[in-house]
């Protein structure tokens, strides 16, 4: 049996750099979301995907898989957004056990109001720090990582349909 495959110095630099940079970017963007809309990053992402999926609605399980988060964590955030009047849940006509997430008009208005500042924070925290060539390389790298890793990361288990 062979020992662990330790990271080289360059690999460790890439890994720790990724961790620190992603944390810094996320905090930078979330600060803007909190200031402009009182939202967390995950809440903004939920509103974004609920808006992108309209007029089709997404069930909580599908959103959890898309966002790579747990159903219970997502349900909690959806409940917070629901209390704020930004989302509502509807029962799936084909399976009454499934809750569908629907963005409200207030949610859409808040998303539209917040989007310009959000895009500016993303630009300020990442895009404008890189050259066009670096952005293209980063996009290719992230596409490759997502393509290879997504099948290996187990999504939330699907619910069994009623028989």
N, C-alpha and C. Protein backbone atom coordinates (compact mmCIF):
# COMPACT_ATOMS: atom_id res chain seq x y z
N UNK A 1 0.85 -1.18 0.00
CA UNK A 1 0.00 0.00 0.00
C UNK A 1 0.90 1.24 0.00
N UNK A 2 0.61 2.15 -0.88
CA UNK A 2 1.43 3.36 -0.97
C UNK A 2 0.87 4.44 -0.03
N UNK A 3 1.72 5.39 0.30
CA UNK A 3 1.32 6.47 1.19
C UNK A 3 0.52 7.53 0.46
N UNK A 4 0.16 8.59 1.17
CA UNK A 4 -0.62 9.67 0.55
C UNK A 4 0.18 10.38 -0.54
N UNK A 5 -0.54 10.84 -1.53
CA UNK A 5 0.08 11.63 -2.60
C UNK A 5 0.06 13.10 -2.17
N UNK A 6 1.09 13.52 -1.46
CA UNK A 6 1.15 14.89 -0.95
C UNK A 6 1.21 15.88 -2.11
N UNK A 7 0.72 17.06 -1.86
CA UNK A 7 0.74 18.11 -2.88
C UNK A 7 2.14 18.69 -3.01
N UNK A 8 2.48 19.00 -4.25
CA UNK A 8 3.74 19.71 -4.49
C UNK A 8 3.57 21.15 -4.00
N UNK A 9 4.65 21.88 -3.96
CA UNK A 9 4.59 23.27 -3.52
C UNK A 9 3.65 24.09 -4.41
N UNK A 10 3.74 23.88 -5.71
CA UNK A 10 2.88 24.61 -6.64
C UNK A 10 1.42 24.19 -6.48
N UNK A 11 1.17 22.89 -6.31
CA UNK A 11 -0.19 22.40 -6.10
C UNK A 11 -0.77 22.97 -4.80
N UNK A 12 0.04 23.01 -3.75
CA UNK A 12 -0.42 23.56 -2.47
C UNK A 12 -0.71 25.05 -2.61
N UNK A 13 0.12 25.76 -3.36
CA UNK A 13 -0.12 27.18 -3.61
C UNK A 13 -1.45 27.38 -4.36
N UNK A 14 -1.70 26.51 -5.34
CA UNK A 14 -2.96 26.59 -6.09
C UNK A 14 -4.15 26.32 -5.17
N UNK A 15 -4.05 25.29 -4.34
CA UNK A 15 -5.15 24.90 -3.46
C UNK A 15 -5.44 25.98 -2.42
N UNK A 16 -4.41 26.41 -1.70
CA UNK A 16 -4.63 27.42 -0.66
C UNK A 16 -5.02 28.77 -1.28
N UNK A 17 -4.47 29.06 -2.45
CA UNK A 17 -4.86 30.28 -3.15
C UNK A 17 -6.33 30.25 -3.55
N UNK A 18 -6.78 29.10 -4.03
CA UNK A 18 -8.19 28.94 -4.39
C UNK A 18 -9.07 29.15 -3.17
N UNK A 19 -8.72 28.49 -2.05
CA UNK A 19 -9.53 28.61 -0.83
C UNK A 19 -9.62 30.06 -0.36
N UNK A 20 -8.47 30.73 -0.29
CA UNK A 20 -8.47 32.10 0.20
C UNK A 20 -9.19 33.04 -0.77
N UNK A 21 -8.89 32.92 -2.05
CA UNK A 21 -9.52 33.80 -3.04
C UNK A 21 -11.03 33.59 -3.08
N UNK A 22 -11.48 32.34 -3.06
CA UNK A 22 -12.93 32.10 -3.13
C UNK A 22 -13.62 32.65 -1.88
N UNK A 23 -12.99 32.51 -0.71
CA UNK A 23 -13.56 33.08 0.51
C UNK A 23 -13.62 34.59 0.46
N UNK A 24 -12.54 35.21 -0.02
CA UNK A 24 -12.51 36.67 -0.13
C UNK A 24 -13.55 37.19 -1.11
N UNK A 25 -13.66 36.53 -2.26
CA UNK A 25 -14.64 36.95 -3.27
C UNK A 25 -16.04 36.81 -2.71
N UNK A 26 -16.32 35.67 -2.07
CA UNK A 26 -17.66 35.45 -1.52
C UNK A 26 -18.00 36.50 -0.46
N UNK A 27 -17.08 36.79 0.43
CA UNK A 27 -17.33 37.81 1.46
C UNK A 27 -17.54 39.20 0.83
N UNK A 28 -16.74 39.51 -0.17
CA UNK A 28 -16.85 40.80 -0.86
C UNK A 28 -18.23 40.96 -1.50
N UNK A 29 -18.67 39.92 -2.20
CA UNK A 29 -19.96 39.97 -2.89
C UNK A 29 -21.10 39.95 -1.87
N UNK A 30 -20.96 39.13 -0.83
CA UNK A 30 -22.04 39.04 0.16
C UNK A 30 -22.21 40.36 0.92
N UNK A 31 -21.12 41.07 1.16
CA UNK A 31 -21.22 42.37 1.83
C UNK A 31 -22.12 43.31 1.01
N UNK A 32 -21.93 43.32 -0.31
CA UNK A 32 -22.76 44.16 -1.17
C UNK A 32 -24.22 43.72 -1.10
N UNK A 33 -24.46 42.41 -1.13
CA UNK A 33 -25.84 41.91 -1.10
C UNK A 33 -26.52 42.28 0.22
N UNK A 34 -25.80 42.16 1.31
CA UNK A 34 -26.37 42.53 2.61
C UNK A 34 -26.67 44.03 2.68
N UNK A 35 -25.75 44.85 2.18
CA UNK A 35 -25.95 46.30 2.21
C UNK A 35 -27.10 46.74 1.31
N UNK A 36 -27.15 46.20 0.11
CA UNK A 36 -28.14 46.64 -0.87
C UNK A 36 -29.51 46.00 -0.69
N UNK A 37 -29.55 44.77 -0.20
CA UNK A 37 -30.84 44.06 -0.18
C UNK A 37 -31.11 43.28 1.10
N UNK A 38 -30.16 43.23 2.02
CA UNK A 38 -30.35 42.45 3.23
C UNK A 38 -30.37 40.95 2.96
N UNK A 39 -29.71 40.53 1.88
CA UNK A 39 -29.69 39.12 1.48
C UNK A 39 -28.33 38.49 1.73
N UNK A 40 -28.34 37.19 1.96
CA UNK A 40 -27.09 36.43 1.96
C UNK A 40 -26.83 35.98 0.53
N UNK A 41 -25.64 35.47 0.31
CA UNK A 41 -25.28 34.99 -1.03
C UNK A 41 -26.22 33.85 -1.45
N UNK A 42 -26.49 32.92 -0.54
CA UNK A 42 -27.35 31.78 -0.91
C UNK A 42 -28.77 32.26 -1.21
N UNK A 43 -29.26 33.24 -0.47
CA UNK A 43 -30.61 33.76 -0.74
C UNK A 43 -30.67 34.44 -2.10
N UNK A 44 -29.63 35.19 -2.44
CA UNK A 44 -29.59 35.82 -3.77
C UNK A 44 -29.56 34.74 -4.84
N UNK A 45 -28.77 33.69 -4.62
CA UNK A 45 -28.67 32.61 -5.59
C UNK A 45 -30.02 31.90 -5.77
N UNK A 46 -30.74 31.69 -4.68
CA UNK A 46 -32.07 31.07 -4.76
C UNK A 46 -33.00 31.95 -5.59
N UNK A 47 -33.01 33.25 -5.30
CA UNK A 47 -33.85 34.16 -6.09
C UNK A 47 -33.45 34.15 -7.56
N UNK A 48 -32.15 34.16 -7.80
CA UNK A 48 -31.65 34.12 -9.18
C UNK A 48 -32.17 32.88 -9.91
N UNK A 49 -32.01 31.70 -9.30
CA UNK A 49 -32.43 30.47 -9.98
C UNK A 49 -33.95 30.38 -10.09
N UNK A 50 -34.67 30.87 -9.08
CA UNK A 50 -36.14 30.87 -9.17
C UNK A 50 -36.58 31.78 -10.32
N UNK A 51 -35.90 32.88 -10.51
CA UNK A 51 -36.22 33.80 -11.60
C UNK A 51 -35.83 33.20 -12.95
N UNK A 52 -34.65 32.59 -13.02
CA UNK A 52 -34.18 31.97 -14.27
C UNK A 52 -35.09 30.83 -14.71
N UNK A 53 -35.68 30.13 -13.76
CA UNK A 53 -36.51 28.97 -14.08
C UNK A 53 -37.94 29.35 -14.43
N UNK A 54 -38.34 30.58 -14.16
CA UNK A 54 -39.71 31.01 -14.46
C UNK A 54 -39.90 31.02 -15.97
N UNK A 55 -41.06 30.68 -16.51
CA UNK A 55 -42.28 30.35 -15.79
C UNK A 55 -42.34 28.91 -15.28
N UNK A 56 -41.40 28.04 -15.70
CA UNK A 56 -41.37 26.72 -15.09
C UNK A 56 -40.87 26.92 -13.65
N UNK A 57 -41.33 26.08 -12.77
CA UNK A 57 -40.92 26.21 -11.38
C UNK A 57 -40.01 25.05 -11.03
N UNK A 58 -39.15 25.26 -10.09
CA UNK A 58 -38.22 24.22 -9.64
C UNK A 58 -38.67 23.72 -8.28
N UNK A 59 -38.57 22.42 -8.09
CA UNK A 59 -38.85 21.90 -6.76
C UNK A 59 -37.60 22.10 -5.90
N UNK A 60 -37.78 22.04 -4.61
CA UNK A 60 -36.68 22.29 -3.68
C UNK A 60 -35.55 21.29 -3.90
N UNK A 61 -35.87 20.03 -4.17
CA UNK A 61 -34.82 19.03 -4.40
C UNK A 61 -33.98 19.39 -5.62
N UNK A 62 -34.62 19.80 -6.71
CA UNK A 62 -33.88 20.18 -7.92
C UNK A 62 -33.00 21.40 -7.67
N UNK A 63 -33.53 22.38 -6.94
CA UNK A 63 -32.73 23.56 -6.61
C UNK A 63 -31.54 23.19 -5.73
N UNK A 64 -31.76 22.31 -4.76
CA UNK A 64 -30.67 21.87 -3.88
C UNK A 64 -29.57 21.20 -4.70
N UNK A 65 -29.95 20.36 -5.64
CA UNK A 65 -28.96 19.70 -6.50
C UNK A 65 -28.22 20.72 -7.36
N UNK A 66 -28.95 21.64 -7.94
CA UNK A 66 -28.36 22.67 -8.79
C UNK A 66 -27.37 23.53 -8.01
N UNK A 67 -27.74 23.86 -6.77
CA UNK A 67 -26.92 24.74 -5.95
C UNK A 67 -25.92 23.99 -5.08
N UNK A 68 -25.95 22.66 -5.14
CA UNK A 68 -25.05 21.80 -4.39
C UNK A 68 -25.16 22.11 -2.89
N UNK A 69 -26.37 22.00 -2.39
CA UNK A 69 -26.63 22.22 -0.97
C UNK A 69 -27.67 21.21 -0.51
N UNK A 70 -27.90 21.12 0.79
CA UNK A 70 -28.86 20.15 1.30
C UNK A 70 -30.28 20.67 1.13
N UNK A 71 -31.23 19.73 1.04
CA UNK A 71 -32.64 20.12 0.95
C UNK A 71 -33.06 20.88 2.20
N UNK A 72 -32.61 20.39 3.38
CA UNK A 72 -33.03 21.04 4.62
C UNK A 72 -32.49 22.46 4.71
N UNK A 73 -31.22 22.65 4.34
CA UNK A 73 -30.65 24.00 4.36
C UNK A 73 -31.35 24.92 3.38
N UNK A 74 -31.66 24.38 2.21
CA UNK A 74 -32.35 25.18 1.20
C UNK A 74 -33.77 25.49 1.65
N UNK A 75 -34.45 24.52 2.25
CA UNK A 75 -35.81 24.74 2.74
C UNK A 75 -35.85 25.86 3.77
N UNK A 76 -34.85 25.90 4.64
CA UNK A 76 -34.77 26.96 5.64
C UNK A 76 -34.65 28.33 4.95
N UNK A 77 -33.75 28.43 3.99
CA UNK A 77 -33.54 29.70 3.28
C UNK A 77 -34.79 30.10 2.49
N UNK A 78 -35.42 29.12 1.85
CA UNK A 78 -36.67 29.39 1.12
C UNK A 78 -37.73 29.92 2.08
N UNK A 79 -37.81 29.33 3.28
CA UNK A 79 -38.78 29.80 4.28
C UNK A 79 -38.51 31.25 4.67
N UNK A 80 -37.24 31.62 4.82
CA UNK A 80 -36.89 33.01 5.14
C UNK A 80 -37.32 33.95 4.01
N UNK A 81 -37.06 33.54 2.77
CA UNK A 81 -37.44 34.36 1.62
C UNK A 81 -38.96 34.41 1.46
N UNK A 82 -39.62 33.32 1.84
CA UNK A 82 -41.08 33.28 1.80
C UNK A 82 -41.66 34.26 2.83
N UNK A 83 -41.11 34.26 4.04
CA UNK A 83 -41.56 35.20 5.08
C UNK A 83 -41.39 36.65 4.63
N UNK A 84 -40.34 36.90 3.87
CA UNK A 84 -40.07 38.26 3.38
C UNK A 84 -40.93 38.60 2.16
N UNK A 85 -41.72 37.64 1.67
CA UNK A 85 -42.59 37.88 0.52
C UNK A 85 -41.87 37.84 -0.82
N UNK A 86 -40.67 37.26 -0.85
CA UNK A 86 -39.88 37.24 -2.08
C UNK A 86 -40.06 35.96 -2.89
N UNK A 87 -40.49 34.90 -2.22
CA UNK A 87 -40.78 33.61 -2.86
C UNK A 87 -42.07 33.08 -2.31
N UNK A 88 -42.64 32.12 -3.01
CA UNK A 88 -43.75 31.35 -2.45
C UNK A 88 -43.57 29.90 -2.89
N UNK A 89 -44.17 29.02 -2.14
CA UNK A 89 -44.13 27.60 -2.50
C UNK A 89 -45.50 27.22 -3.03
N UNK A 90 -45.46 26.39 -4.04
CA UNK A 90 -46.69 25.83 -4.59
C UNK A 90 -46.52 24.32 -4.63
N UNK A 91 -47.61 23.62 -4.49
CA UNK A 91 -47.57 22.16 -4.58
C UNK A 91 -47.52 21.76 -6.04
N UNK A 92 -46.66 20.80 -6.35
CA UNK A 92 -46.54 20.26 -7.70
C UNK A 92 -47.84 19.53 -8.04
N UNK A 93 -48.45 19.89 -9.15
CA UNK A 93 -49.71 19.28 -9.56
C UNK A 93 -49.57 17.78 -9.80
N UNK A 94 -48.39 17.33 -10.23
CA UNK A 94 -48.20 15.90 -10.53
C UNK A 94 -47.75 15.10 -9.30
N UNK A 95 -47.31 15.76 -8.24
CA UNK A 95 -46.88 15.07 -7.03
C UNK A 95 -47.04 16.03 -5.86
N UNK A 96 -48.13 15.87 -5.13
CA UNK A 96 -48.46 16.84 -4.08
C UNK A 96 -47.46 16.89 -2.94
N UNK A 97 -46.52 15.93 -2.89
CA UNK A 97 -45.49 15.98 -1.85
C UNK A 97 -44.35 16.92 -2.21
N UNK A 98 -44.28 17.32 -3.47
CA UNK A 98 -43.17 18.18 -3.92
C UNK A 98 -43.56 19.64 -3.82
N UNK A 99 -42.69 20.41 -3.17
CA UNK A 99 -42.89 21.86 -3.07
C UNK A 99 -42.11 22.54 -4.19
N UNK A 100 -42.81 23.34 -4.96
CA UNK A 100 -42.20 24.10 -6.05
C UNK A 100 -41.91 25.51 -5.55
N UNK A 101 -40.78 26.07 -5.97
CA UNK A 101 -40.37 27.41 -5.57
C UNK A 101 -40.71 28.39 -6.69
N UNK A 102 -41.42 29.45 -6.34
CA UNK A 102 -41.86 30.44 -7.32
C UNK A 102 -41.45 31.83 -6.82
N UNK A 103 -40.79 32.60 -7.66
CA UNK A 103 -40.42 33.96 -7.28
C UNK A 103 -41.65 34.86 -7.37
N UNK A 104 -41.81 35.74 -6.41
CA UNK A 104 -42.94 36.68 -6.42
C UNK A 104 -42.54 37.95 -7.18
N UNK A 105 -43.51 38.81 -7.41
CA UNK A 105 -43.20 40.09 -8.05
C UNK A 105 -42.23 40.90 -7.20
N UNK A 106 -42.43 40.88 -5.86
CA UNK A 106 -41.51 41.59 -4.97
C UNK A 106 -40.10 41.00 -5.05
N UNK A 107 -40.01 39.68 -5.15
CA UNK A 107 -38.72 39.02 -5.29
C UNK A 107 -38.03 39.41 -6.58
N UNK A 108 -38.80 39.46 -7.64
CA UNK A 108 -38.24 39.85 -8.95
C UNK A 108 -37.78 41.31 -8.92
N UNK A 109 -38.58 42.17 -8.30
CA UNK A 109 -38.18 43.59 -8.21
C UNK A 109 -36.90 43.75 -7.39
N UNK A 110 -36.80 43.02 -6.28
CA UNK A 110 -35.59 43.10 -5.45
C UNK A 110 -34.37 42.58 -6.22
N UNK A 111 -34.56 41.50 -6.94
CA UNK A 111 -33.47 40.95 -7.75
C UNK A 111 -33.02 41.97 -8.80
N UNK A 112 -33.97 42.59 -9.47
CA UNK A 112 -33.64 43.59 -10.50
C UNK A 112 -32.95 44.81 -9.89
N UNK A 113 -33.39 45.21 -8.69
CA UNK A 113 -32.78 46.36 -8.01
C UNK A 113 -31.36 46.04 -7.55
N UNK A 114 -31.15 44.81 -7.11
CA UNK A 114 -29.86 44.40 -6.54
C UNK A 114 -28.85 43.99 -7.61
N UNK A 115 -29.31 43.54 -8.75
CA UNK A 115 -28.42 42.98 -9.79
C UNK A 115 -27.30 43.93 -10.22
N UNK A 116 -27.55 45.21 -10.46
CA UNK A 116 -26.44 46.08 -10.89
C UNK A 116 -25.30 46.15 -9.86
N UNK A 117 -25.63 46.29 -8.59
CA UNK A 117 -24.61 46.32 -7.55
C UNK A 117 -23.91 44.98 -7.41
N UNK A 118 -24.68 43.91 -7.59
CA UNK A 118 -24.11 42.56 -7.52
C UNK A 118 -23.08 42.36 -8.63
N UNK A 119 -23.45 42.73 -9.84
CA UNK A 119 -22.52 42.59 -10.98
C UNK A 119 -21.28 43.45 -10.74
N UNK A 120 -21.46 44.64 -10.21
CA UNK A 120 -20.31 45.51 -9.93
C UNK A 120 -19.40 44.89 -8.88
N UNK A 121 -19.98 44.26 -7.85
CA UNK A 121 -19.17 43.60 -6.82
C UNK A 121 -18.41 42.41 -7.41
N UNK A 122 -19.05 41.66 -8.30
CA UNK A 122 -18.38 40.53 -8.97
C UNK A 122 -17.23 41.06 -9.83
N UNK A 123 -17.49 42.13 -10.55
CA UNK A 123 -16.42 42.74 -11.37
C UNK A 123 -15.27 43.21 -10.48
N UNK A 124 -15.61 43.93 -9.42
CA UNK A 124 -14.60 44.51 -8.53
C UNK A 124 -13.81 43.43 -7.78
N UNK A 125 -14.49 42.33 -7.45
CA UNK A 125 -13.85 41.27 -6.66
C UNK A 125 -13.18 40.18 -7.47
N UNK A 126 -13.39 40.17 -8.81
CA UNK A 126 -12.77 39.12 -9.62
C UNK A 126 -12.49 39.57 -11.05
N UNK A 127 -13.53 39.85 -11.79
CA UNK A 127 -13.42 40.05 -13.24
C UNK A 127 -12.42 41.15 -13.60
N UNK A 128 -12.54 42.31 -12.96
CA UNK A 128 -11.67 43.43 -13.32
C UNK A 128 -10.24 43.28 -12.80
N UNK A 129 -9.99 42.26 -11.98
CA UNK A 129 -8.64 41.99 -11.48
C UNK A 129 -7.83 41.16 -12.46
N UNK A 130 -8.50 40.60 -13.47
CA UNK A 130 -7.87 39.67 -14.41
C UNK A 130 -7.90 40.22 -15.83
N UNK A 131 -6.99 39.72 -16.66
CA UNK A 131 -7.03 40.05 -18.08
C UNK A 131 -8.10 39.20 -18.75
N UNK A 132 -8.48 39.56 -19.97
CA UNK A 132 -9.45 38.76 -20.72
C UNK A 132 -8.93 37.33 -20.91
N UNK A 133 -7.63 37.20 -21.14
CA UNK A 133 -7.03 35.87 -21.32
C UNK A 133 -7.13 35.06 -20.03
N UNK A 134 -6.87 35.68 -18.89
CA UNK A 134 -6.97 34.97 -17.62
C UNK A 134 -8.41 34.56 -17.32
N UNK A 135 -9.36 35.43 -17.67
CA UNK A 135 -10.78 35.09 -17.46
C UNK A 135 -11.16 33.89 -18.32
N UNK A 136 -10.72 33.87 -19.57
CA UNK A 136 -11.00 32.73 -20.45
C UNK A 136 -10.37 31.45 -19.89
N UNK A 137 -9.15 31.55 -19.38
CA UNK A 137 -8.49 30.38 -18.78
C UNK A 137 -9.25 29.92 -17.54
N UNK A 138 -9.63 30.86 -16.69
CA UNK A 138 -10.37 30.52 -15.48
C UNK A 138 -11.70 29.86 -15.83
N UNK A 139 -12.39 30.40 -16.82
CA UNK A 139 -13.67 29.82 -17.25
C UNK A 139 -13.46 28.39 -17.73
N UNK A 140 -12.42 28.16 -18.53
CA UNK A 140 -12.13 26.80 -19.01
C UNK A 140 -11.79 25.86 -17.86
N UNK A 141 -10.98 26.34 -16.93
CA UNK A 141 -10.60 25.51 -15.77
C UNK A 141 -11.83 25.16 -14.95
N UNK A 142 -12.68 26.14 -14.66
CA UNK A 142 -13.87 25.88 -13.84
C UNK A 142 -14.85 24.96 -14.57
N UNK A 143 -14.98 25.12 -15.89
CA UNK A 143 -15.82 24.20 -16.67
C UNK A 143 -15.31 22.77 -16.53
N UNK A 144 -14.00 22.60 -16.63
CA UNK A 144 -13.39 21.28 -16.53
C UNK A 144 -13.59 20.69 -15.14
N UNK A 145 -13.36 21.48 -14.11
CA UNK A 145 -13.54 20.99 -12.73
C UNK A 145 -14.99 20.59 -12.50
N UNK A 146 -15.94 21.45 -12.91
CA UNK A 146 -17.37 21.13 -12.74
C UNK A 146 -17.74 19.85 -13.47
N UNK A 147 -17.29 19.73 -14.72
CA UNK A 147 -17.64 18.56 -15.54
C UNK A 147 -17.12 17.27 -14.90
N UNK A 148 -15.91 17.31 -14.37
CA UNK A 148 -15.32 16.11 -13.78
C UNK A 148 -15.83 15.82 -12.38
N UNK A 149 -16.11 16.85 -11.61
CA UNK A 149 -16.45 16.65 -10.21
C UNK A 149 -17.93 16.45 -9.95
N UNK A 150 -18.79 17.10 -10.73
CA UNK A 150 -20.22 17.00 -10.46
C UNK A 150 -20.73 15.56 -10.41
N UNK A 151 -20.32 14.67 -11.32
CA UNK A 151 -20.81 13.28 -11.23
C UNK A 151 -20.33 12.55 -9.97
N UNK A 152 -19.26 13.03 -9.36
CA UNK A 152 -18.71 12.37 -8.19
C UNK A 152 -19.26 12.92 -6.88
N UNK A 153 -19.91 14.08 -6.94
CA UNK A 153 -20.50 14.67 -5.74
C UNK A 153 -21.96 14.29 -5.72
N UNK A 154 -22.33 13.54 -4.72
CA UNK A 154 -23.69 13.00 -4.63
C UNK A 154 -24.70 14.11 -4.36
N UNK A 155 -25.67 14.24 -5.26
CA UNK A 155 -26.74 15.22 -5.02
C UNK A 155 -27.68 14.70 -3.94
N UNK A 156 -28.59 15.54 -3.52
CA UNK A 156 -29.60 15.12 -2.55
C UNK A 156 -30.37 13.94 -3.12
N UNK A 157 -30.63 12.95 -2.30
CA UNK A 157 -31.35 11.76 -2.75
C UNK A 157 -32.75 12.15 -3.18
N UNK A 158 -33.19 11.64 -4.35
CA UNK A 158 -34.54 11.98 -4.80
C UNK A 158 -35.60 11.34 -3.91
N UNK A 159 -36.71 12.01 -3.78
CA UNK A 159 -37.81 11.45 -3.01
C UNK A 159 -38.51 10.39 -3.84
N UNK A 160 -39.01 9.38 -3.14
CA UNK A 160 -39.75 8.32 -3.84
C UNK A 160 -41.13 8.83 -4.18
N UNK A 161 -41.56 8.52 -5.39
CA UNK A 161 -42.89 8.94 -5.83
C UNK A 161 -43.95 8.04 -5.20
N UNK A 162 -45.10 8.62 -4.93
CA UNK A 162 -46.22 7.85 -4.39
C UNK A 162 -46.70 6.87 -5.44
N UNK A 163 -47.10 5.70 -5.00
CA UNK A 163 -47.60 4.70 -5.96
C UNK A 163 -49.07 4.47 -5.78
